N, C-alpha and C. Protein backbone atom coordinates (compact mmCIF):
# COMPACT_ATOMS: atom_id res chain seq x y z
N UNK A 1 -0.25 -0.77 -30.46
CA UNK A 1 1.09 -0.21 -30.62
C UNK A 1 1.51 0.57 -29.37
N UNK A 2 0.60 1.36 -28.86
CA UNK A 2 0.89 2.15 -27.66
C UNK A 2 1.16 1.25 -26.45
N UNK A 3 0.35 0.18 -26.32
CA UNK A 3 0.52 -0.76 -25.21
C UNK A 3 1.86 -1.49 -25.28
N UNK A 4 2.29 -1.80 -26.47
CA UNK A 4 3.57 -2.50 -26.65
C UNK A 4 4.72 -1.65 -26.12
N UNK A 5 4.68 -0.37 -26.41
CA UNK A 5 5.72 0.55 -25.94
C UNK A 5 5.73 0.60 -24.41
N UNK A 6 4.54 0.64 -23.82
CA UNK A 6 4.42 0.69 -22.36
C UNK A 6 5.00 -0.58 -21.73
N UNK A 7 4.69 -1.72 -22.31
CA UNK A 7 5.22 -3.00 -21.80
C UNK A 7 6.74 -3.02 -21.87
N UNK A 8 7.28 -2.47 -22.95
CA UNK A 8 8.72 -2.42 -23.13
C UNK A 8 9.38 -1.61 -22.02
N UNK A 9 8.79 -0.46 -21.69
CA UNK A 9 9.31 0.40 -20.62
C UNK A 9 9.24 -0.33 -19.28
N UNK A 10 8.11 -0.97 -18.99
CA UNK A 10 7.95 -1.71 -17.75
C UNK A 10 8.99 -2.83 -17.65
N UNK A 11 9.22 -3.52 -18.77
CA UNK A 11 10.19 -4.61 -18.83
C UNK A 11 11.58 -4.11 -18.46
N UNK A 12 11.96 -2.99 -19.02
CA UNK A 12 13.28 -2.41 -18.73
C UNK A 12 13.39 -2.00 -17.26
N UNK A 13 12.33 -1.45 -16.70
CA UNK A 13 12.34 -1.05 -15.30
C UNK A 13 12.48 -2.26 -14.39
N UNK A 14 11.80 -3.37 -14.73
CA UNK A 14 11.89 -4.59 -13.94
C UNK A 14 13.30 -5.17 -13.99
N UNK A 15 13.90 -5.16 -15.16
CA UNK A 15 15.28 -5.65 -15.31
C UNK A 15 16.22 -4.83 -14.43
N UNK A 16 16.05 -3.51 -14.45
CA UNK A 16 16.87 -2.62 -13.66
C UNK A 16 16.72 -2.93 -12.17
N UNK A 17 15.47 -3.14 -11.72
CA UNK A 17 15.21 -3.48 -10.32
C UNK A 17 15.89 -4.78 -9.94
N UNK A 18 15.78 -5.79 -10.80
CA UNK A 18 16.40 -7.08 -10.53
C UNK A 18 17.92 -6.95 -10.43
N UNK A 19 18.50 -6.17 -11.30
CA UNK A 19 19.95 -5.97 -11.27
C UNK A 19 20.38 -5.28 -9.99
N UNK A 20 19.60 -4.30 -9.54
CA UNK A 20 19.90 -3.59 -8.30
C UNK A 20 19.83 -4.55 -7.11
N UNK A 21 18.75 -5.35 -7.06
CA UNK A 21 18.60 -6.33 -5.98
C UNK A 21 19.76 -7.33 -6.00
N UNK A 22 20.10 -7.79 -7.19
CA UNK A 22 21.19 -8.74 -7.38
C UNK A 22 22.50 -8.17 -6.84
N UNK A 23 22.79 -6.93 -7.20
CA UNK A 23 24.01 -6.26 -6.74
C UNK A 23 24.01 -6.10 -5.22
N UNK A 24 22.84 -5.79 -4.67
CA UNK A 24 22.72 -5.62 -3.22
C UNK A 24 22.96 -6.93 -2.48
N UNK A 25 22.38 -8.01 -2.99
CA UNK A 25 22.51 -9.31 -2.34
C UNK A 25 23.96 -9.80 -2.36
N UNK A 26 24.62 -9.62 -3.46
CA UNK A 26 26.00 -10.07 -3.57
C UNK A 26 26.93 -9.18 -2.74
N UNK A 27 26.60 -7.88 -2.71
CA UNK A 27 27.47 -6.96 -1.98
C UNK A 27 28.77 -6.76 -2.72
N UNK A 28 28.74 -6.93 -4.03
CA UNK A 28 29.95 -6.85 -4.85
C UNK A 28 30.42 -5.41 -5.04
N UNK A 29 29.47 -4.54 -5.37
CA UNK A 29 29.81 -3.14 -5.63
C UNK A 29 29.29 -2.28 -4.48
N UNK A 30 30.13 -1.97 -3.53
CA UNK A 30 29.73 -1.22 -2.34
C UNK A 30 29.18 0.16 -2.67
N UNK A 31 29.74 0.80 -3.69
CA UNK A 31 29.25 2.12 -4.09
C UNK A 31 27.82 2.03 -4.61
N UNK A 32 27.53 0.98 -5.40
CA UNK A 32 26.17 0.80 -5.92
C UNK A 32 25.19 0.56 -4.78
N UNK A 33 25.59 -0.26 -3.81
CA UNK A 33 24.73 -0.56 -2.67
C UNK A 33 24.44 0.72 -1.89
N UNK A 34 25.46 1.49 -1.66
CA UNK A 34 25.28 2.76 -0.93
C UNK A 34 24.37 3.69 -1.72
N UNK A 35 24.58 3.77 -3.03
CA UNK A 35 23.80 4.66 -3.89
C UNK A 35 22.32 4.26 -3.92
N UNK A 36 22.04 2.94 -3.88
CA UNK A 36 20.66 2.48 -3.95
C UNK A 36 20.03 2.28 -2.58
N UNK A 37 20.79 2.58 -1.51
CA UNK A 37 20.28 2.47 -0.14
C UNK A 37 19.69 1.10 0.17
N UNK A 38 20.46 0.06 -0.07
CA UNK A 38 19.95 -1.28 0.21
C UNK A 38 20.05 -1.59 1.70
């Protein structure tokens, strides 16, 4: 049960990272890129 919770947190962090990278590559949201220092 404890491990499942940890995996869930890691999963969410990975999704967040992918979204940040995606936003940086597209260059769609300049404020987001500046905020994340891409």
